[in-house]
Amino acid sequence: MEKELKLSNADYRLLSIVWDSEPIASPELCKLAEVQLGWKRTTTYTVLRRLCDKDVLLNENTIVTSIIKREHVQAFESRQVVKMYTETALKCALMKKPLGSKGFILYYSLRDDMVGNGGLEPSTSTM
């Protein structure tokens, strides 16, 4: 079972800077966060500490590196979206309510994209 990964928008924004710049000294990370995000030093250190507590980043001797890579986070987030739409489609089917054309198209395009890009194993069963 995959460990639940809960990232806020602020977490993801700081992570993006780290991924683009790692390894990076934490004072330099604060400067980049100030320029790119408009954050104060204290905000950056608060989010950095939270990401270290979540075992997403490592801050060792003021050098920040990622433990979890961008591709892993993006794949996890994509699976969460597909899971949400799968659950919605199932609930609609059980309640005999239409999913709606937009929901149907979005669900299948997301699913097909993930299967085509190796994010999910193709299903052997038919719907």
N, C-alpha and C. Protein backbone atom coordinates (compact mmCIF):
# COMPACT_ATOMS: atom_id res chain seq x y z
N MET A 1 0.85 -1.18 0.00
CA MET A 1 0.00 0.00 0.00
C MET A 1 0.89 1.25 0.00
N GLU A 2 0.54 2.20 -0.78
CA GLU A 2 1.32 3.43 -0.91
C GLU A 2 1.04 4.36 0.27
N LYS A 3 2.10 4.94 0.80
CA LYS A 3 1.97 5.90 1.90
C LYS A 3 1.22 7.14 1.40
N GLU A 4 0.26 7.59 2.20
CA GLU A 4 -0.51 8.79 1.86
C GLU A 4 0.41 10.01 1.86
N LEU A 5 0.35 10.78 0.82
CA LEU A 5 1.18 11.97 0.69
C LEU A 5 0.26 13.18 0.60
N LYS A 6 0.25 13.97 1.66
CA LYS A 6 -0.61 15.16 1.68
C LYS A 6 0.27 16.39 1.59
N LEU A 7 0.16 17.09 0.48
CA LEU A 7 0.95 18.30 0.28
C LEU A 7 0.00 19.48 0.05
N SER A 8 0.27 20.54 0.76
CA SER A 8 -0.49 21.77 0.54
C SER A 8 0.06 22.48 -0.70
N ASN A 9 -0.64 23.50 -1.13
CA ASN A 9 -0.16 24.31 -2.25
C ASN A 9 1.19 24.94 -1.90
N ALA A 10 1.32 25.42 -0.67
CA ALA A 10 2.59 26.02 -0.22
C ALA A 10 3.71 24.99 -0.24
N ASP A 11 3.41 23.75 0.20
CA ASP A 11 4.42 22.68 0.17
C ASP A 11 4.91 22.48 -1.26
N TYR A 12 3.97 22.35 -2.17
CA TYR A 12 4.32 22.08 -3.56
C TYR A 12 5.11 23.22 -4.18
N ARG A 13 4.76 24.45 -3.84
CA ARG A 13 5.47 25.61 -4.40
C ARG A 13 6.92 25.63 -3.93
N LEU A 14 7.15 25.36 -2.65
CA LEU A 14 8.54 25.33 -2.15
C LEU A 14 9.29 24.12 -2.72
N LEU A 15 8.61 22.99 -2.80
CA LEU A 15 9.22 21.80 -3.39
C LEU A 15 9.68 22.06 -4.82
N SER A 16 8.89 22.78 -5.58
CA SER A 16 9.26 23.07 -6.97
C SER A 16 10.57 23.84 -7.04
N ILE A 17 10.76 24.77 -6.12
CA ILE A 17 12.02 25.52 -6.08
C ILE A 17 13.18 24.59 -5.73
N VAL A 18 12.96 23.74 -4.75
CA VAL A 18 14.02 22.79 -4.35
C VAL A 18 14.35 21.87 -5.51
N TRP A 19 13.34 21.28 -6.15
CA TRP A 19 13.59 20.37 -7.26
C TRP A 19 14.38 21.05 -8.38
N ASP A 20 14.09 22.32 -8.64
CA ASP A 20 14.78 23.03 -9.70
C ASP A 20 16.20 23.44 -9.32
N SER A 21 16.52 23.45 -8.02
CA SER A 21 17.79 24.03 -7.58
C SER A 21 18.66 23.10 -6.73
N GLU A 22 18.18 21.92 -6.42
CA GLU A 22 18.90 21.08 -5.45
C GLU A 22 20.22 20.56 -5.98
N PRO A 23 21.16 20.34 -5.06
CA PRO A 23 21.14 20.69 -3.64
C PRO A 23 21.26 22.21 -3.48
N ILE A 24 20.58 22.72 -2.47
CA ILE A 24 20.57 24.16 -2.26
C ILE A 24 20.72 24.46 -0.77
N ALA A 25 21.51 25.48 -0.48
CA ALA A 25 21.66 25.91 0.91
C ALA A 25 20.37 26.58 1.37
N SER A 26 19.97 26.33 2.61
CA SER A 26 18.70 26.88 3.08
C SER A 26 18.64 28.41 3.02
N PRO A 27 19.73 29.16 3.29
CA PRO A 27 19.64 30.61 3.12
C PRO A 27 19.36 31.02 1.66
N GLU A 28 19.94 30.29 0.73
CA GLU A 28 19.69 30.57 -0.69
C GLU A 28 18.25 30.21 -1.05
N LEU A 29 17.72 29.14 -0.47
CA LEU A 29 16.33 28.76 -0.67
C LEU A 29 15.40 29.87 -0.18
N CYS A 30 15.74 30.46 0.94
CA CYS A 30 14.94 31.58 1.47
C CYS A 30 14.94 32.76 0.50
N LYS A 31 16.10 33.04 -0.08
CA LYS A 31 16.19 34.15 -1.04
C LYS A 31 15.34 33.86 -2.29
N LEU A 32 15.43 32.63 -2.79
CA LEU A 32 14.63 32.26 -3.97
C LEU A 32 13.13 32.31 -3.67
N ALA A 33 12.75 31.83 -2.48
CA ALA A 33 11.33 31.85 -2.10
C ALA A 33 10.84 33.29 -1.95
N GLU A 34 11.70 34.17 -1.49
CA GLU A 34 11.31 35.58 -1.37
C GLU A 34 11.08 36.18 -2.75
N VAL A 35 12.00 35.89 -3.69
CA VAL A 35 11.90 36.45 -5.04
C VAL A 35 10.74 35.82 -5.82
N GLN A 36 10.63 34.49 -5.78
CA GLN A 36 9.65 33.79 -6.61
C GLN A 36 8.25 33.73 -6.00
N LEU A 37 8.19 33.69 -4.66
CA LEU A 37 6.91 33.50 -4.00
C LEU A 37 6.48 34.67 -3.13
N GLY A 38 7.40 35.59 -2.88
CA GLY A 38 7.10 36.72 -2.01
C GLY A 38 7.05 36.34 -0.54
N TRP A 39 7.71 35.24 -0.18
CA TRP A 39 7.68 34.75 1.19
C TRP A 39 8.77 35.39 2.04
N LYS A 40 8.48 35.53 3.32
CA LYS A 40 9.49 35.95 4.30
C LYS A 40 10.30 34.71 4.69
N ARG A 41 11.46 34.96 5.24
CA ARG A 41 12.36 33.88 5.66
C ARG A 41 11.65 32.92 6.62
N THR A 42 10.88 33.46 7.56
CA THR A 42 10.21 32.62 8.55
C THR A 42 9.18 31.68 7.90
N THR A 43 8.50 32.16 6.89
CA THR A 43 7.53 31.32 6.18
C THR A 43 8.24 30.17 5.48
N THR A 44 9.35 30.49 4.83
CA THR A 44 10.11 29.46 4.13
C THR A 44 10.59 28.39 5.10
N TYR A 45 11.13 28.81 6.24
CA TYR A 45 11.62 27.83 7.22
C TYR A 45 10.48 27.01 7.83
N THR A 46 9.31 27.61 7.99
CA THR A 46 8.16 26.86 8.52
C THR A 46 7.74 25.76 7.54
N VAL A 47 7.63 26.11 6.26
CA VAL A 47 7.23 25.13 5.25
C VAL A 47 8.35 24.09 5.08
N LEU A 48 9.59 24.52 5.10
CA LEU A 48 10.73 23.60 5.00
C LEU A 48 10.69 22.59 6.14
N ARG A 49 10.46 23.06 7.36
CA ARG A 49 10.40 22.15 8.52
C ARG A 49 9.25 21.15 8.35
N ARG A 50 8.11 21.63 7.88
CA ARG A 50 6.95 20.75 7.67
C ARG A 50 7.27 19.67 6.63
N LEU A 51 7.95 20.05 5.55
CA LEU A 51 8.31 19.08 4.51
C LEU A 51 9.36 18.09 5.01
N CYS A 52 10.24 18.53 5.88
CA CYS A 52 11.21 17.61 6.49
C CYS A 52 10.51 16.65 7.44
N ASP A 53 9.53 17.15 8.19
CA ASP A 53 8.75 16.29 9.09
C ASP A 53 7.95 15.25 8.33
N LYS A 54 7.54 15.57 7.11
CA LYS A 54 6.80 14.64 6.26
C LYS A 54 7.73 13.70 5.50
N ASP A 55 9.03 13.82 5.72
CA ASP A 55 10.04 13.02 5.01
C ASP A 55 10.00 13.22 3.51
N VAL A 56 9.77 14.46 3.12
CA VAL A 56 9.77 14.82 1.69
C VAL A 56 11.08 15.52 1.34
N LEU A 57 11.58 16.34 2.27
CA LEU A 57 12.86 17.04 2.10
C LEU A 57 13.81 16.66 3.23
N LEU A 58 15.08 16.84 2.95
CA LEU A 58 16.13 16.63 3.94
C LEU A 58 16.93 17.92 4.05
N ASN A 59 17.07 18.43 5.27
CA ASN A 59 17.87 19.64 5.52
C ASN A 59 19.01 19.22 6.44
N GLU A 60 20.14 18.95 5.83
CA GLU A 60 21.30 18.43 6.57
C GLU A 60 22.46 19.41 6.45
N ASN A 61 22.86 19.97 7.59
CA ASN A 61 23.94 20.96 7.60
C ASN A 61 23.62 22.13 6.66
N THR A 62 22.39 22.59 6.71
CA THR A 62 21.83 23.71 5.92
C THR A 62 21.74 23.44 4.42
N ILE A 63 21.99 22.21 3.99
CA ILE A 63 21.85 21.85 2.58
C ILE A 63 20.54 21.08 2.41
N VAL A 64 19.68 21.60 1.55
CA VAL A 64 18.36 21.01 1.35
C VAL A 64 18.35 20.18 0.07
N THR A 65 17.87 18.95 0.20
CA THR A 65 17.69 18.06 -0.95
C THR A 65 16.34 17.37 -0.81
N SER A 66 15.83 16.88 -1.92
CA SER A 66 14.55 16.18 -1.88
C SER A 66 14.77 14.70 -1.62
N ILE A 67 13.88 14.14 -0.85
CA ILE A 67 13.85 12.70 -0.63
C ILE A 67 12.90 12.08 -1.65
N ILE A 68 11.81 12.78 -1.91
CA ILE A 68 10.82 12.33 -2.88
C ILE A 68 10.95 13.22 -4.12
N LYS A 69 11.11 12.60 -5.25
CA LYS A 69 11.33 13.32 -6.50
C LYS A 69 10.02 13.81 -7.10
N ARG A 70 10.15 14.81 -7.96
CA ARG A 70 9.00 15.44 -8.62
C ARG A 70 8.12 14.40 -9.32
N GLU A 71 8.74 13.47 -10.03
CA GLU A 71 7.99 12.48 -10.80
C GLU A 71 7.11 11.63 -9.89
N HIS A 72 7.62 11.29 -8.70
CA HIS A 72 6.84 10.49 -7.76
C HIS A 72 5.62 11.26 -7.27
N VAL A 73 5.81 12.52 -6.93
CA VAL A 73 4.70 13.35 -6.44
C VAL A 73 3.66 13.53 -7.54
N GLN A 74 4.10 13.80 -8.76
CA GLN A 74 3.17 14.00 -9.86
C GLN A 74 2.39 12.71 -10.16
N ALA A 75 3.07 11.57 -10.11
CA ALA A 75 2.39 10.29 -10.35
C ALA A 75 1.37 10.02 -9.25
N PHE A 76 1.74 10.31 -8.00
CA PHE A 76 0.82 10.11 -6.88
C PHE A 76 -0.41 10.99 -7.04
N GLU A 77 -0.20 12.27 -7.36
CA GLU A 77 -1.32 13.21 -7.52
C GLU A 77 -2.23 12.76 -8.67
N SER A 78 -1.64 12.27 -9.74
CA SER A 78 -2.44 11.79 -10.88
C SER A 78 -3.28 10.59 -10.48
N ARG A 79 -2.69 9.67 -9.73
CA ARG A 79 -3.46 8.51 -9.27
C ARG A 79 -4.61 8.93 -8.36
N GLN A 80 -4.39 9.96 -7.54
CA GLN A 80 -5.45 10.45 -6.65
C GLN A 80 -6.62 11.02 -7.46
N VAL A 81 -6.31 11.74 -8.53
CA VAL A 81 -7.37 12.30 -9.37
C VAL A 81 -8.16 11.18 -10.03
N VAL A 82 -7.47 10.19 -10.56
CA VAL A 82 -8.16 9.07 -11.21
C VAL A 82 -9.00 8.31 -10.17
N LYS A 83 -8.46 8.12 -8.99
CA LYS A 83 -9.20 7.44 -7.92
C LYS A 83 -10.48 8.20 -7.58
N MET A 84 -10.38 9.52 -7.48
CA MET A 84 -11.54 10.34 -7.16
C MET A 84 -12.62 10.19 -8.25
N TYR A 85 -12.21 10.26 -9.50
CA TYR A 85 -13.18 10.13 -10.59
C TYR A 85 -13.74 8.72 -10.68
N THR A 86 -12.94 7.71 -10.37
CA THR A 86 -13.42 6.33 -10.36
C THR A 86 -14.48 6.16 -9.30
N GLU A 87 -14.22 6.69 -8.10
CA GLU A 87 -15.20 6.60 -7.02
C GLU A 87 -16.48 7.35 -7.37
N THR A 88 -16.34 8.50 -8.01
CA THR A 88 -17.52 9.28 -8.42
C THR A 88 -18.33 8.51 -9.46
N ALA A 89 -17.64 7.92 -10.42
CA ALA A 89 -18.32 7.16 -11.46
C ALA A 89 -19.05 5.96 -10.85
N LEU A 90 -18.41 5.30 -9.90
CA LEU A 90 -19.03 4.15 -9.24
C LEU A 90 -20.26 4.57 -8.45
N LYS A 91 -20.16 5.66 -7.71
CA LYS A 91 -21.31 6.16 -6.94
C LYS A 91 -22.46 6.51 -7.87
N CYS A 92 -22.15 7.15 -8.98
CA CYS A 92 -23.20 7.50 -9.95
C CYS A 92 -23.85 6.25 -10.51
N ALA A 93 -23.05 5.24 -10.79
CA ALA A 93 -23.59 3.99 -11.34
C ALA A 93 -24.48 3.30 -10.31
N LEU A 94 -24.05 3.26 -9.06
CA LEU A 94 -24.83 2.61 -8.01
C LEU A 94 -26.14 3.34 -7.73
N MET A 95 -26.11 4.65 -7.85
CA MET A 95 -27.31 5.45 -7.61
C MET A 95 -28.12 5.65 -8.90
N LYS A 96 -27.64 5.02 -9.97
CA LYS A 96 -28.28 5.10 -11.28
C LYS A 96 -28.45 6.55 -11.73
N LYS A 97 -27.41 7.33 -11.47
CA LYS A 97 -27.39 8.72 -11.92
C LYS A 97 -26.32 8.84 -13.00
N PRO A 98 -26.57 9.66 -14.00
CA PRO A 98 -25.55 9.82 -15.05
C PRO A 98 -24.33 10.55 -14.52
N LEU A 99 -23.17 10.13 -14.96
CA LEU A 99 -21.92 10.78 -14.60
C LEU A 99 -21.84 12.15 -15.26
N GLY A 100 -22.47 12.30 -16.37
CA GLY A 100 -22.39 13.55 -17.12
C GLY A 100 -21.29 13.42 -18.16
N SER A 101 -21.51 14.00 -19.29
CA SER A 101 -20.56 13.82 -20.39
C SER A 101 -19.18 14.38 -20.05
N LYS A 102 -19.12 15.52 -19.36
CA LYS A 102 -17.82 16.09 -19.02
C LYS A 102 -17.07 15.19 -18.05
N GLY A 103 -17.75 14.69 -17.05
CA GLY A 103 -17.10 13.79 -16.09
C GLY A 103 -16.67 12.50 -16.74
N PHE A 104 -17.50 11.95 -17.62
CA PHE A 104 -17.18 10.72 -18.33
C PHE A 104 -15.94 10.90 -19.20
N ILE A 105 -15.92 11.96 -19.97
CA ILE A 105 -14.79 12.23 -20.86
C ILE A 105 -13.51 12.48 -20.05
N LEU A 106 -13.60 13.27 -18.98
CA LEU A 106 -12.43 13.56 -18.16
C LEU A 106 -11.89 12.30 -17.52
N TYR A 107 -12.77 11.47 -16.95
CA TYR A 107 -12.35 10.24 -16.30
C TYR A 107 -11.59 9.35 -17.28
N TYR A 108 -12.17 9.10 -18.44
CA TYR A 108 -11.53 8.20 -19.39
C TYR A 108 -10.28 8.79 -20.01
N SER A 109 -10.22 10.08 -20.22
CA SER A 109 -9.00 10.66 -20.77
C SER A 109 -7.87 10.60 -19.74
N LEU A 110 -8.18 10.85 -18.47
CA LEU A 110 -7.16 10.73 -17.42
C LEU A 110 -6.69 9.29 -17.30
N ARG A 111 -7.63 8.37 -17.28
CA ARG A 111 -7.27 6.96 -17.16
C ARG A 111 -6.42 6.52 -18.34
N ASP A 112 -6.82 6.87 -19.53
CA ASP A 112 -6.07 6.48 -20.72
C ASP A 112 -4.69 7.10 -20.76
N ASP A 113 -4.58 8.36 -20.33
CA ASP A 113 -3.27 9.02 -20.28
C ASP A 113 -2.34 8.29 -19.31
N MET A 114 -2.85 7.93 -18.16
CA MET A 114 -2.01 7.27 -17.17
C MET A 114 -1.60 5.88 -17.62
N VAL A 115 -2.51 5.13 -18.22
CA VAL A 115 -2.17 3.80 -18.72
C VAL A 115 -1.15 3.92 -19.84
N GLY A 116 -1.35 4.89 -20.72
CA GLY A 116 -0.44 5.09 -21.85
C GLY A 116 0.94 5.55 -21.43
N ASN A 117 1.04 6.26 -20.29
CA ASN A 117 2.33 6.77 -19.83
C ASN A 117 2.96 5.89 -18.75
N GLY A 118 2.43 4.70 -18.56
CA GLY A 118 3.01 3.79 -17.59
C GLY A 118 2.62 4.09 -16.16
N GLY A 119 1.67 4.98 -15.94
CA GLY A 119 1.28 5.32 -14.58
C GLY A 119 0.41 4.27 -13.93
N LEU A 120 -0.35 3.54 -14.75
CA LEU A 120 -1.22 2.48 -14.25
C LEU A 120 -1.06 1.26 -15.14
N GLU A 121 -1.34 0.12 -14.59
CA GLU A 121 -1.36 -1.09 -15.40
C GLU A 121 -2.69 -1.13 -16.14
N PRO A 122 -2.68 -1.47 -17.42
CA PRO A 122 -3.94 -1.56 -18.14
C PRO A 122 -4.81 -2.66 -17.54
N SER A 123 -6.08 -2.42 -17.49
CA SER A 123 -7.02 -3.37 -16.95
C SER A 123 -7.28 -4.48 -17.96
N THR A 124 -7.40 -5.72 -17.46
CA THR A 124 -7.71 -6.82 -18.35
C THR A 124 -9.20 -7.03 -18.46
N SER A 125 -9.95 -6.43 -17.55
CA SER A 125 -11.40 -6.57 -17.59
C SER A 125 -12.00 -5.49 -18.46
N THR A 126 -13.18 -5.73 -18.94
CA THR A 126 -13.88 -4.74 -19.74
C THR A 126 -14.97 -4.12 -18.90
N MET A 127 -15.36 -2.90 -19.25
CA MET A 127 -16.39 -2.21 -18.50
C MET A 127 -17.73 -2.46 -19.12
